[in-house]
Protein backbone atom coordinates (compact mmCIF):
# COMPACT_ATOMS: atom_id res chain seq x y z
CA UNK A 1 0.00 0.00 0.00
CA UNK A 2 1.22 3.49 -0.82
CA UNK A 3 1.99 5.65 2.19
CA UNK A 4 1.12 9.22 1.27
CA UNK A 5 3.45 11.92 2.51
CA UNK A 6 1.13 14.85 3.22
CA UNK A 7 1.29 17.69 5.68
CA UNK A 8 -1.82 18.20 7.81
CA UNK A 9 -2.71 21.24 5.66
CA UNK A 10 -2.28 19.30 2.41
CA UNK A 11 -4.47 16.51 3.78
CA UNK A 12 -7.11 19.08 4.81
CA UNK A 13 -7.06 20.69 1.35
CA UNK A 14 -7.18 17.35 -0.44
CA UNK A 15 -10.07 16.20 1.73
CA UNK A 16 -12.09 19.27 0.78
CA UNK A 17 -11.23 18.81 -2.89
CA UNK A 18 -11.64 15.04 -3.11
CA UNK A 19 -14.45 14.28 -0.69
CA UNK A 20 -16.42 17.50 -0.97
CA UNK A 21 -15.59 18.30 -4.61
CA UNK A 22 -14.70 21.94 -3.94
CA UNK A 23 -12.75 24.14 -6.36
CA UNK A 24 -9.43 25.76 -5.43
CA UNK A 25 -11.26 29.02 -4.80
CA UNK A 26 -13.93 27.36 -2.63
CA UNK A 27 -11.31 25.49 -0.59
CA UNK A 28 -9.38 28.75 -0.15
CA UNK A 29 -12.50 30.57 1.03
CA UNK A 30 -13.18 27.87 3.65
CA UNK A 31 -9.60 27.93 4.89
CA UNK A 32 -9.00 31.67 4.66
CA UNK A 33 -6.34 31.46 1.94
CA UNK A 34 -6.29 32.23 -1.77
CA UNK A 35 -7.10 29.74 -4.49
CA UNK A 36 -3.49 30.08 -5.64
CA UNK A 37 -2.24 29.00 -2.20
CA UNK A 38 -4.48 25.93 -2.44
CA UNK A 39 -3.07 25.19 -5.88
CA UNK A 40 0.49 25.57 -4.53
CA UNK A 41 -0.22 23.06 -1.72
CA UNK A 42 -1.62 20.59 -4.27
CA UNK A 43 1.39 21.05 -6.55
CA UNK A 44 3.78 20.24 -3.70
CA UNK A 45 1.68 17.24 -2.60
CA UNK A 46 1.61 15.76 -6.10
CA UNK A 47 5.33 16.39 -6.61
CA UNK A 48 6.46 14.89 -3.28
CA UNK A 49 4.28 11.81 -3.76
CA UNK A 50 4.96 11.51 -7.51
CA UNK A 51 1.22 11.10 -8.08
CA UNK A 52 -1.51 13.10 -9.78
CA UNK A 53 -4.29 14.73 -7.75
CA UNK A 54 -6.84 12.08 -8.83
CA UNK A 55 -4.42 9.34 -7.78
CA UNK A 56 -3.94 10.96 -4.37
CA UNK A 57 -7.72 11.27 -4.03
CA UNK A 58 -8.06 7.57 -4.79
CA UNK A 59 -5.49 6.63 -2.14
CA UNK A 60 -7.11 8.98 0.39
CA UNK A 61 -10.49 7.37 -0.23
CA UNK A 62 -8.94 3.95 0.42
CA UNK A 63 -7.32 5.22 3.65
CA UNK A 64 -10.67 6.59 4.80
CA UNK A 65 -12.33 3.29 3.98
CA UNK A 66 -9.73 1.30 5.91
CA UNK A 67 -9.79 3.74 8.85
CA UNK A 68 -13.58 3.45 8.96
CA UNK A 69 -13.44 -0.35 8.83
CA UNK A 70 -10.82 -0.41 11.59
CA UNK A 71 -12.97 1.81 13.82
CA UNK A 72 -15.94 -0.51 13.29
CA UNK A 73 -13.87 -3.64 13.99
CA UNK A 74 -12.82 -2.44 17.45
CA UNK A 75 -15.82 -1.97 19.74
CA UNK A 76 -15.69 1.02 22.02
CA UNK A 77 -15.70 0.60 25.79
CA UNK A 78 -19.36 1.65 26.14
CA UNK A 79 -20.45 -1.07 23.73
CA UNK A 80 -18.48 -3.63 25.72
CA UNK A 81 -20.04 -2.50 29.01
CA UNK A 82 -23.58 -3.04 27.71
């Protein structure tokens, strides 16, 4: 499995773009930065990971899926106490 190298800000931006389908400008407005700053973060993320934005989105969706499955597989303490 590919291990993405993303800063917390890059992950935040990519989540808004990939999951929520926002444009650079819309992401920037939500985060209080310009659309160009969003684009710069994405450029660095794709360069460091040697992947395209759609490929990173695909890997992020898989990570989310696995994280969600892992959370479901481990019952929380309240569920065990019932």
